[in-house]
Amino acid sequence: MDLLENLDESQIKESRHFRESNIDRFKDIGLIYDLLLNRTPVQVGKTKTGTYKIVYEHPEQKSKDIYLIIMIINRQEITLKTIYPANRSRRLREYEPS
């Protein structure tokens, strides 16, 4: 996703749901922006038209991943929709070869 590779902070918008869920799930908004702007996702998947699930390894809790759902608006900006932590084993289990 080229947009993520060249993203700057002015292109990131937060939905109302994201702001509300962020208060409950993460106290540090800086961590989320650090992930988006400076880290490489371990997985990117399309959930529906214009909406993507991006998974990052949690930088502080090695047994966790951070799932970030975003919407891409006109290829110029993204809207953060929701965020949630999950055990890293979930991602590994989902993509284990059979």
PDB file of N, CA and C in Angstrom:
ATOM      1  N   MET A   1       0.838  -1.175   0.000  1.00  0.00           N
ATOM      2  CA  MET A   1       0.000   0.000   0.000  1.00  0.00           C
ATOM      3  C   MET A   1       0.887   1.243   0.000  1.00  0.00           C
ATOM      4  N   ASP A   2       0.950   1.889  -1.127  1.00  0.00           N
ATOM      5  CA  ASP A   2       1.809   3.053  -1.285  1.00  0.00           C
ATOM      6  C   ASP A   2       1.463   4.179  -0.323  1.00  0.00           C
ATOM      7  N   LEU A   3       0.185   4.367  -0.059  1.00  0.00           N
ATOM      8  CA  LEU A   3      -0.229   5.451   0.824  1.00  0.00           C
ATOM      9  C   LEU A   3       0.405   5.301   2.202  1.00  0.00           C
ATOM     10  N   LEU A   4       0.430   4.100   2.738  1.00  0.00           N
ATOM     11  CA  LEU A   4       1.025   3.887   4.061  1.00  0.00           C
ATOM     12  C   LEU A   4       2.518   4.153   4.058  1.00  0.00           C
ATOM     13  N   GLU A   5       3.191   3.818   2.980  1.00  0.00           N
ATOM     14  CA  GLU A   5       4.631   4.015   2.902  1.00  0.00           C
ATOM     15  C   GLU A   5       5.017   5.483   2.888  1.00  0.00           C
ATOM     16  N   ASN A   6       4.163   6.333   2.358  1.00  0.00           N
ATOM     17  CA  ASN A   6       4.474   7.761   2.230  1.00  0.00           C
ATOM     18  C   ASN A   6       3.571   8.639   3.078  1.00  0.00           C
ATOM     19  N   LEU A   7       2.964   8.065   4.087  1.00  0.00           N
ATOM     20  CA  LEU A   7       1.985   8.756   4.910  1.00  0.00           C
ATOM     21  C   LEU A   7       2.643   9.800   5.810  1.00  0.00           C
ATOM     22  N   ASP A   8       1.986  10.936   5.950  1.00  0.00           N
ATOM     23  CA  ASP A   8       2.410  11.879   6.985  1.00  0.00           C
ATOM     24  C   ASP A   8       1.221  12.189   7.880  1.00  0.00           C
ATOM     25  N   GLU A   9       1.496  12.749   9.030  1.00  0.00           N
ATOM     26  CA  GLU A   9       0.476  12.915  10.068  1.00  0.00           C
ATOM     27  C   GLU A   9      -0.732  13.718   9.600  1.00  0.00           C
ATOM     28  N   SER A  10      -0.543  14.656   8.693  1.00  0.00           N
ATOM     29  CA  SER A  10      -1.658  15.484   8.228  1.00  0.00           C
ATOM     30  C   SER A  10      -2.674  14.684   7.413  1.00  0.00           C
ATOM     31  N   GLN A  11      -2.310  13.491   6.966  1.00  0.00           N
ATOM     32  CA  GLN A  11      -3.200  12.659   6.169  1.00  0.00           C
ATOM     33  C   GLN A  11      -4.020  11.691   7.020  1.00  0.00           C
ATOM     34  N   ILE A  12      -3.836  11.713   8.340  1.00  0.00           N
ATOM     35  CA  ILE A  12      -4.514  10.778   9.231  1.00  0.00           C
ATOM     36  C   ILE A  12      -5.665  11.493   9.940  1.00  0.00           C
ATOM     37  N   LYS A  13      -6.852  10.948   9.789  1.00  0.00           N
ATOM     38  CA  LYS A  13      -8.050  11.463  10.463  1.00  0.00           C
ATOM     39  C   LYS A  13      -8.550  10.389  11.423  1.00  0.00           C
ATOM     40  N   GLU A  14      -9.262  10.793  12.454  1.00  0.00           N
ATOM     41  CA  GLU A  14      -9.792   9.856  13.434  1.00  0.00           C
ATOM     42  C   GLU A  14     -11.311   9.904  13.427  1.00  0.00           C
ATOM     43  N   SER A  15     -11.938   8.752  13.294  1.00  0.00           N
ATOM     44  CA  SER A  15     -13.402   8.694  13.378  1.00  0.00           C
ATOM     45  C   SER A  15     -13.814   8.845  14.841  1.00  0.00           C
ATOM     46  N   ARG A  16     -15.057   9.179  15.048  1.00  0.00           N
ATOM     47  CA  ARG A  16     -15.583   9.322  16.412  1.00  0.00           C
ATOM     48  C   ARG A  16     -15.469   7.990  17.153  1.00  0.00           C
ATOM     49  N   HIS A  17     -15.815   6.902  16.472  1.00  0.00           N
ATOM     50  CA  HIS A  17     -15.699   5.573  17.084  1.00  0.00           C
ATOM     51  C   HIS A  17     -14.258   5.292  17.494  1.00  0.00           C
ATOM     52  N   PHE A  18     -13.309   5.648  16.652  1.00  0.00           N
ATOM     53  CA  PHE A  18     -11.907   5.419  16.965  1.00  0.00           C
ATOM     54  C   PHE A  18     -11.505   6.188  18.215  1.00  0.00           C
ATOM     55  N   ARG A  19     -11.881   7.458  18.290  1.00  0.00           N
ATOM     56  CA  ARG A  19     -11.529   8.261  19.468  1.00  0.00           C
ATOM     57  C   ARG A  19     -12.116   7.648  20.726  1.00  0.00           C
ATOM     58  N   GLU A  20     -13.359   7.195  20.659  1.00  0.00           N
ATOM     59  CA  GLU A  20     -14.007   6.603  21.832  1.00  0.00           C
ATOM     60  C   GLU A  20     -13.373   5.263  22.207  1.00  0.00           C
ATOM     61  N   SER A  21     -13.117   4.410  21.227  1.00  0.00           N
ATOM     62  CA  SER A  21     -12.530   3.105  21.537  1.00  0.00           C
ATOM     63  C   SER A  21     -11.076   3.248  21.962  1.00  0.00           C
ATOM     64  N   ASN A  22     -10.383   4.231  21.421  1.00  0.00           N
ATOM     65  CA  ASN A  22      -8.993   4.450  21.792  1.00  0.00           C
ATOM     66  C   ASN A  22      -8.873   4.796  23.271  1.00  0.00           C
ATOM     67  N   ILE A  23      -9.805   5.574  23.779  1.00  0.00           N
ATOM     68  CA  ILE A  23      -9.775   5.944  25.194  1.00  0.00           C
ATOM     69  C   ILE A  23      -9.842   4.687  26.061  1.00  0.00           C
ATOM     70  N   ASP A  24     -10.640   3.706  25.644  1.00  0.00           N
ATOM     71  CA  ASP A  24     -10.786   2.470  26.409  1.00  0.00           C
ATOM     72  C   ASP A  24      -9.628   1.498  26.208  1.00  0.00           C
ATOM     73  N   ARG A  25      -9.079   1.449  25.022  1.00  0.00           N
ATOM     74  CA  ARG A  25      -8.119   0.393  24.693  1.00  0.00           C
ATOM     75  C   ARG A  25      -6.659   0.827  24.772  1.00  0.00           C
ATOM     76  N   PHE A  26      -6.374   2.061  24.432  1.00  0.00           N
ATOM     77  CA  PHE A  26      -5.006   2.564  24.427  1.00  0.00           C
ATOM     78  C   PHE A  26      -5.019   3.979  24.979  1.00  0.00           C
ATOM     79  N   LYS A  27      -4.150   4.239  25.892  1.00  0.00           N
ATOM     80  CA  LYS A  27      -4.081   5.590  26.450  1.00  0.00           C
ATOM     81  C   LYS A  27      -3.116   6.468  25.647  1.00  0.00           C
ATOM     82  N   ASP A  28      -2.224   5.825  24.906  1.00  0.00           N
ATOM     83  CA  ASP A  28      -1.155   6.538  24.219  1.00  0.00           C
ATOM     84  C   ASP A  28      -1.434   6.640  22.715  1.00  0.00           C
ATOM     85  N   ILE A  29      -2.021   7.756  22.293  1.00  0.00           N
ATOM     86  CA  ILE A  29      -2.301   7.967  20.865  1.00  0.00           C
ATOM     87  C   ILE A  29      -0.990   8.042  20.073  1.00  0.00           C
ATOM     88  N   GLY A  30       0.073   8.463  20.735  1.00  0.00           N
ATOM     89  CA  GLY A  30       1.374   8.534  20.079  1.00  0.00           C
ATOM     90  C   GLY A  30       1.852   7.181  19.587  1.00  0.00           C
ATOM     91  N   LEU A  31       1.529   6.128  20.322  1.00  0.00           N
ATOM     92  CA  LEU A  31       1.901   4.774  19.912  1.00  0.00           C
ATOM     93  C   LEU A  31       1.247   4.426  18.578  1.00  0.00           C
ATOM     94  N   ILE A  32       0.004   4.789  18.431  1.00  0.00           N
ATOM     95  CA  ILE A  32      -0.728   4.474  17.204  1.00  0.00           C
ATOM     96  C   ILE A  32      -0.128   5.212  16.012  1.00  0.00           C
ATOM     97  N   TYR A  33       0.162   6.489  16.207  1.00  0.00           N
ATOM     98  CA  TYR A  33       0.777   7.257  15.131  1.00  0.00           C
ATOM     99  C   TYR A  33       2.185   6.747  14.830  1.00  0.00           C
ATOM    100  N   ASP A  34       2.916   6.324  15.852  1.00  0.00           N
ATOM    101  CA  ASP A  34       4.245   5.751  15.630  1.00  0.00           C
ATOM    102  C   ASP A  34       4.154   4.495  14.773  1.00  0.00           C
ATOM    103  N   LEU A  35       3.181   3.646  15.063  1.00  0.00           N
ATOM    104  CA  LEU A  35       3.000   2.436  14.258  1.00  0.00           C
ATOM    105  C   LEU A  35       2.759   2.792  12.799  1.00  0.00           C
ATOM    106  N   LEU A  36       1.813   3.697  12.571  1.00  0.00           N
ATOM    107  CA  LEU A  36       1.446   4.070  11.196  1.00  0.00           C
ATOM    108  C   LEU A  36       2.584   4.752  10.433  1.00  0.00           C
ATOM    109  N   LEU A  37       3.292   5.622  11.113  1.00  0.00           N
ATOM    110  CA  LEU A  37       4.281   6.448  10.424  1.00  0.00           C
ATOM    111  C   LEU A  37       5.677   5.834  10.370  1.00  0.00           C
ATOM    112  N   ASN A  38       5.995   4.944  11.315  1.00  0.00           N
ATOM    113  CA  ASN A  38       7.383   4.496  11.421  1.00  0.00           C
ATOM    114  C   ASN A  38       7.601   2.994  11.392  1.00  0.00           C
ATOM    115  N   ARG A  39       6.561   2.214  11.484  1.00  0.00           N
ATOM    116  CA  ARG A  39       6.731   0.761  11.587  1.00  0.00           C
ATOM    117  C   ARG A  39       6.134   0.050  10.371  1.00  0.00           C
ATOM    118  N   THR A  40       6.630  -1.134  10.139  1.00  0.00           N
ATOM    119  CA  THR A  40       6.149  -1.950   9.028  1.00  0.00           C
ATOM    120  C   THR A  40       5.108  -2.929   9.553  1.00  0.00           C
ATOM    121  N   PRO A  41       3.934  -2.960   8.931  1.00  0.00           N
ATOM    122  CA  PRO A  41       2.918  -3.925   9.374  1.00  0.00           C
ATOM    123  C   PRO A  41       3.360  -5.351   9.080  1.00  0.00           C
ATOM    124  N   VAL A  42       2.890  -6.277   9.898  1.00  0.00           N
ATOM    125  CA  VAL A  42       3.174  -7.690   9.650  1.00  0.00           C
ATOM    126  C   VAL A  42       2.098  -8.315   8.768  1.00  0.00           C
ATOM    127  N   GLN A  43       0.987  -7.606   8.616  1.00  0.00           N
ATOM    128  CA  GLN A  43      -0.110  -8.111   7.774  1.00  0.00           C
ATOM    129  C   GLN A  43      -1.001  -6.944   7.368  1.00  0.00           C
ATOM    130  N   VAL A  44      -1.437  -6.963   6.123  1.00  0.00           N
ATOM    131  CA  VAL A  44      -2.419  -6.004   5.621  1.00  0.00           C
ATOM    132  C   VAL A  44      -3.457  -6.795   4.849  1.00  0.00           C
ATOM    133  N   GLY A  45      -4.707  -6.590   5.182  1.00  0.00           N
ATOM    134  CA  GLY A  45      -5.781  -7.287   4.487  1.00  0.00           C
ATOM    135  C   GLY A  45      -6.933  -6.346   4.196  1.00  0.00           C
ATOM    136  N   LYS A  46      -7.597  -6.587   3.092  1.00  0.00           N
ATOM    137  CA  LYS A  46      -8.761  -5.784   2.714  1.00  0.00           C
ATOM    138  C   LYS A  46      -9.996  -6.429   3.317  1.00  0.00           C
ATOM    139  N   THR A  47     -10.803  -5.644   4.039  1.00  0.00           N
ATOM    140  CA  THR A  47     -12.003  -6.209   4.644  1.00  0.00           C
ATOM    141  C   THR A  47     -13.232  -5.941   3.790  1.00  0.00           C
ATOM    142  N   LYS A  48     -13.297  -4.788   3.173  1.00  0.00           N
ATOM    143  CA  LYS A  48     -14.336  -4.448   2.198  1.00  0.00           C
ATOM    144  C   LYS A  48     -13.825  -3.261   1.401  1.00  0.00           C
ATOM    145  N   THR A  49     -14.573  -2.791   0.452  1.00  0.00           N
ATOM    146  CA  THR A  49     -14.115  -1.725  -0.418  1.00  0.00           C
ATOM    147  C   THR A  49     -13.649  -0.521   0.386  1.00  0.00           C
ATOM    148  N   GLY A  50     -12.385  -0.182   0.227  1.00  0.00           N
ATOM    149  CA  GLY A  50     -11.816   0.994   0.875  1.00  0.00           C
ATOM    150  C   GLY A  50     -11.467   0.824   2.335  1.00  0.00           C
ATOM    151  N   THR A  51     -11.710  -0.359   2.907  1.00  0.00           N
ATOM    152  CA  THR A  51     -11.436  -0.595   4.324  1.00  0.00           C
ATOM    153  C   THR A  51     -10.401  -1.710   4.454  1.00  0.00           C
ATOM    154  N   TYR A  52      -9.418  -1.479   5.313  1.00  0.00           N
ATOM    155  CA  TYR A  52      -8.313  -2.410   5.465  1.00  0.00           C
ATOM    156  C   TYR A  52      -8.044  -2.718   6.928  1.00  0.00           C
ATOM    157  N   LYS A  53      -7.580  -3.937   7.175  1.00  0.00           N
ATOM    158  CA  LYS A  53      -7.125  -4.349   8.499  1.00  0.00           C
ATOM    159  C   LYS A  53      -5.602  -4.411   8.440  1.00  0.00           C
ATOM    160  N   ILE A  54      -4.968  -3.632   9.297  1.00  0.00           N
ATOM    161  CA  ILE A  54      -3.506  -3.602   9.354  1.00  0.00           C
ATOM    162  C   ILE A  54      -3.093  -4.157  10.707  1.00  0.00           C
ATOM    163  N   VAL A  55      -2.156  -5.096  10.693  1.00  0.00           N
ATOM    164  CA  VAL A  55      -1.710  -5.716  11.937  1.00  0.00           C
ATOM    165  C   VAL A  55      -0.246  -5.360  12.165  1.00  0.00           C
ATOM    166  N   TYR A  56       0.026  -4.880  13.374  1.00  0.00           N
ATOM    167  CA  TYR A  56       1.386  -4.557  13.800  1.00  0.00           C
ATOM    168  C   TYR A  56       1.739  -5.393  15.017  1.00  0.00           C
ATOM    169  N   GLU A  57       2.999  -5.765  15.132  1.00  0.00           N
ATOM    170  CA  GLU A  57       3.460  -6.373  16.370  1.00  0.00           C
ATOM    171  C   GLU A  57       3.441  -5.283  17.438  1.00  0.00           C
ATOM    172  N   HIS A  58       2.962  -5.609  18.606  1.00  0.00           N
ATOM    173  CA  HIS A  58       2.928  -4.636  19.697  1.00  0.00           C
ATOM    174  C   HIS A  58       4.374  -4.368  20.122  1.00  0.00           C
ATOM    175  N   PRO A  59       4.808  -3.113  20.121  1.00  0.00           N
ATOM    176  CA  PRO A  59       6.212  -2.828  20.437  1.00  0.00           C
ATOM    177  C   PRO A  59       6.575  -3.011  21.906  1.00  0.00           C
ATOM    178  N   GLU A  60       5.593  -3.081  22.777  1.00  0.00           N
ATOM    179  CA  GLU A  60       5.879  -3.183  24.207  1.00  0.00           C
ATOM    180  C   GLU A  60       5.489  -4.533  24.795  1.00  0.00           C
ATOM    181  N   GLN A  61       4.509  -5.203  24.209  1.00  0.00           N
ATOM    182  CA  GLN A  61       4.037  -6.489  24.720  1.00  0.00           C
ATOM    183  C   GLN A  61       4.266  -7.542  23.636  1.00  0.00           C
ATOM    184  N   LYS A  62       5.306  -8.319  23.787  1.00  0.00           N
ATOM    185  CA  LYS A  62       5.726  -9.256  22.740  1.00  0.00           C
ATOM    186  C   LYS A  62       4.706 -10.350  22.432  1.00  0.00           C
ATOM    187  N   SER A  63       3.785 -10.608  23.340  1.00  0.00           N
ATOM    188  CA  SER A  63       2.782 -11.650  23.077  1.00  0.00           C
ATOM    189  C   SER A  63       1.532 -11.087  22.405  1.00  0.00           C
ATOM    190  N   LYS A  64       1.525  -9.795  22.078  1.00  0.00           N
ATOM    191  CA  LYS A  64       0.346  -9.128  21.520  1.00  0.00           C
ATOM    192  C   LYS A  64       0.629  -8.541  20.139  1.00  0.00           C
ATOM    193  N   ASP A  65      -0.433  -8.401  19.385  1.00  0.00           N
ATOM    194  CA  ASP A  65      -0.445  -7.636  18.139  1.00  0.00           C
ATOM    195  C   ASP A  65      -1.450  -6.510  18.315  1.00  0.00           C
ATOM    196  N   ILE A  66      -1.343  -5.514  17.478  1.00  0.00           N
ATOM    197  CA  ILE A  66      -2.316  -4.426  17.448  1.00  0.00           C
ATOM    198  C   ILE A  66      -2.993  -4.452  16.086  1.00  0.00           C
ATOM    199  N   TYR A  67      -4.315  -4.582  16.097  1.00  0.00           N
ATOM    200  CA  TYR A  67      -5.119  -4.577  14.877  1.00  0.00           C
ATOM    201  C   TYR A  67      -5.691  -3.174  14.698  1.00  0.00           C
ATOM    202  N   LEU A  68      -5.465  -2.600  13.539  1.00  0.00           N
ATOM    203  CA  LEU A  68      -5.931  -1.257  13.227  1.00  0.00           C
ATOM    204  C   LEU A  68      -6.777  -1.333  11.962  1.00  0.00           C
ATOM    205  N   ILE A  69      -8.015  -0.884  12.050  1.00  0.00           N
ATOM    206  CA  ILE A  69      -8.905  -0.870  10.887  1.00  0.00           C
ATOM    207  C   ILE A  69      -8.939   0.565  10.368  1.00  0.00           C
ATOM    208  N   ILE A  70      -8.627   0.717   9.087  1.00  0.00           N
ATOM    209  CA  ILE A  70      -8.598   2.046   8.486  1.00  0.00           C
ATOM    210  C   ILE A  70      -9.476   2.076   7.245  1.00  0.00           C
ATOM    211  N   MET A  71      -9.854   3.273   6.868  1.00  0.00           N
ATOM    212  CA  MET A  71     -10.571   3.508   5.617  1.00  0.00           C
ATOM    213  C   MET A  71      -9.728   4.480   4.805  1.00  0.00           C
ATOM    214  N   ILE A  72      -9.523   4.168   3.554  1.00  0.00           N
ATOM    215  CA  ILE A  72      -8.752   5.065   2.691  1.00  0.00           C
ATOM    216  C   ILE A  72      -9.723   5.976   1.958  1.00  0.00           C
ATOM    217  N   ILE A  73      -9.490   7.263   2.097  1.00  0.00           N
ATOM    218  CA  ILE A  73     -10.336   8.279   1.479  1.00  0.00           C
ATOM    219  C   ILE A  73      -9.577   8.879   0.301  1.00  0.00           C
ATOM    220  N   ASN A  74     -10.115   8.799  -0.845  1.00  0.00           N
ATOM    221  CA  ASN A  74      -9.601   9.392  -2.085  1.00  0.00           C
ATOM    222  C   ASN A  74      -8.079   9.283  -2.276  1.00  0.00           C
ATOM    223  N   ARG A  75      -7.490   8.216  -1.753  1.00  0.00           N
ATOM    224  CA  ARG A  75      -6.060   7.932  -1.922  1.00  0.00           C
ATOM    225  C   ARG A  75      -5.145   9.027  -1.385  1.00  0.00           C
ATOM    226  N   GLN A  76      -5.704   9.970  -0.652  1.00  0.00           N
ATOM    227  CA  GLN A  76      -4.897  11.059  -0.107  1.00  0.00           C
ATOM    228  C   GLN A  76      -4.849  11.055   1.419  1.00  0.00           C
ATOM    229  N   GLU A  77      -5.829  10.424   2.058  1.00  0.00           N
ATOM    230  CA  GLU A  77      -5.847  10.390   3.509  1.00  0.00           C
ATOM    231  C   GLU A  77      -6.522   9.112   3.988  1.00  0.00           C
ATOM    232  N   ILE A  78      -6.266   8.806   5.253  1.00  0.00           N
ATOM    233  CA  ILE A  78      -6.903   7.641   5.849  1.00  0.00           C
ATOM    234  C   ILE A  78      -7.706   8.082   7.062  1.00  0.00           C
ATOM    235  N   THR A  79      -8.743   7.324   7.353  1.00  0.00           N
ATOM    236  CA  THR A  79      -9.526   7.532   8.566  1.00  0.00           C
ATOM    237  C   THR A  79      -9.345   6.309   9.436  1.00  0.00           C
ATOM    238  N   LEU A  80      -8.932   6.527  10.673  1.00  0.00           N
ATOM    239  CA  LEU A  80      -8.786   5.446  11.631  1.00  0.00           C
ATOM    240  C   LEU A  80     -10.177   5.066  12.119  1.00  0.00           C
ATOM    241  N   LYS A  81     -10.573   3.813  11.933  1.00  0.00           N
ATOM    242  CA  LYS A  81     -11.924   3.367  12.289  1.00  0.00           C
ATOM    243  C   LYS A  81     -11.972   2.710  13.663  1.00  0.00           C
ATOM    244  N   THR A  82     -11.087   1.757  13.911  1.00  0.00           N
ATOM    245  CA  THR A  82     -11.063   1.093  15.213  1.00  0.00           C
ATOM    246  C   THR A  82      -9.692   0.479  15.441  1.00  0.00           C
ATOM    247  N   ILE A  83      -9.433   0.155  16.687  1.00  0.00           N
ATOM    248  CA  ILE A  83      -8.160  -0.439  17.068  1.00  0.00           C
ATOM    249  C   ILE A  83      -8.425  -1.417  18.209  1.00  0.00           C
ATOM    250  N   TYR A  84      -7.688  -2.518  18.194  1.00  0.00           N
ATOM    251  CA  TYR A  84      -7.836  -3.453  19.305  1.00  0.00           C
ATOM    252  C   TYR A  84      -6.600  -4.342  19.390  1.00  0.00           C
ATOM    253  N   PRO A  85      -6.254  -4.744  20.601  1.00  0.00           N
ATOM    254  CA  PRO A  85      -5.147  -5.674  20.775  1.00  0.00           C
ATOM    255  C   PRO A  85      -5.647  -7.109  20.633  1.00  0.00           C
ATOM    256  N   ALA A  86      -4.751  -8.001  20.277  1.00  0.00           N
ATOM    257  CA  ALA A  86      -5.077  -9.428  20.212  1.00  0.00           C
ATOM    258  C   ALA A  86      -3.802 -10.213  20.487  1.00  0.00           C
ATOM    259  N   ASN A  87      -3.976 -11.416  20.963  1.00  0.00           N
ATOM    260  CA  ASN A  87      -2.810 -12.273  21.171  1.00  0.00           C
ATOM    261  C   ASN A  87      -2.141 -12.557  19.845  1.00  0.00           C
ATOM    262  N   ARG A  88      -0.827 -12.517  19.839  1.00  0.00           N
ATOM    263  CA  ARG A  88      -0.060 -12.771  18.617  1.00  0.00           C
ATOM    264  C   ARG A  88      -0.382 -14.157  18.058  1.00  0.00           C
ATOM    265  N   SER A  89      -0.693 -15.096  18.913  1.00  0.00           N
ATOM    266  CA  SER A  89      -0.997 -16.462  18.452  1.00  0.00           C
ATOM    267  C   SER A  89      -2.189 -16.470  17.499  1.00  0.00           C
ATOM    268  N   ARG A  90      -3.093 -15.512  17.639  1.00  0.00           N
ATOM    269  CA  ARG A  90      -4.245 -15.433  16.724  1.00  0.00           C
ATOM    270  C   ARG A  90      -3.772 -15.235  15.282  1.00  0.00           C
ATOM    271  N   ARG A  91      -2.878 -14.285  15.081  1.00  0.00           N
ATOM    272  CA  ARG A  91      -2.367 -14.017  13.727  1.00  0.00           C
ATOM    273  C   ARG A  91      -1.587 -15.209  13.213  1.00  0.00           C
ATOM    274  N   LEU A  92      -0.759 -15.785  14.052  1.00  0.00           N
ATOM    275  CA  LEU A  92       0.053 -16.920  13.621  1.00  0.00           C
ATOM    276  C   LEU A  92      -0.814 -18.115  13.265  1.00  0.00           C
ATOM    277  N   ARG A  93      -1.869 -18.327  14.012  1.00  0.00           N
ATOM    278  CA  ARG A  93      -2.794 -19.436  13.751  1.00  0.00           C
ATOM    279  C   ARG A  93      -3.551 -19.217  12.442  1.00  0.00           C
ATOM    280  N   GLU A  94      -3.974 -17.975  12.189  1.00  0.00           N
ATOM    281  CA  GLU A  94      -4.747 -17.667  10.980  1.00  0.00           C
ATOM    282  C   GLU A  94      -3.936 -17.907   9.711  1.00  0.00           C
ATOM    283  N   TYR A  95      -2.632 -17.720   9.770  1.00  0.00           N
ATOM    284  CA  TYR A  95      -1.824 -17.776   8.553  1.00  0.00           C
ATOM    285  C   TYR A  95      -0.802 -18.896   8.551  1.00  0.00           C
ATOM    286  N   GLU A  96      -1.003 -19.871   9.416  1.00  0.00           N
ATOM    287  CA  GLU A  96      -0.156 -21.047   9.427  1.00  0.00           C
ATOM    288  C   GLU A  96      -0.436 -21.898   8.195  1.00  0.00           C
ATOM    289  N   PRO A  97       0.600 -22.351   7.507  1.00  0.00           N
ATOM    290  CA  PRO A  97       0.327 -23.228   6.374  1.00  0.00           C
ATOM    291  C   PRO A  97      -0.269 -24.552   6.844  1.00  0.00           C
ATOM    292  N   SER A  98      -1.213 -25.072   6.077  1.00  0.00           N
ATOM    293  CA  SER A  98      -1.890 -26.337   6.449  1.00  0.00           C
ATOM    294  C   SER A  98      -1.038 -27.520   6.120  1.00  0.00           C
TER     295      SER A  98
END
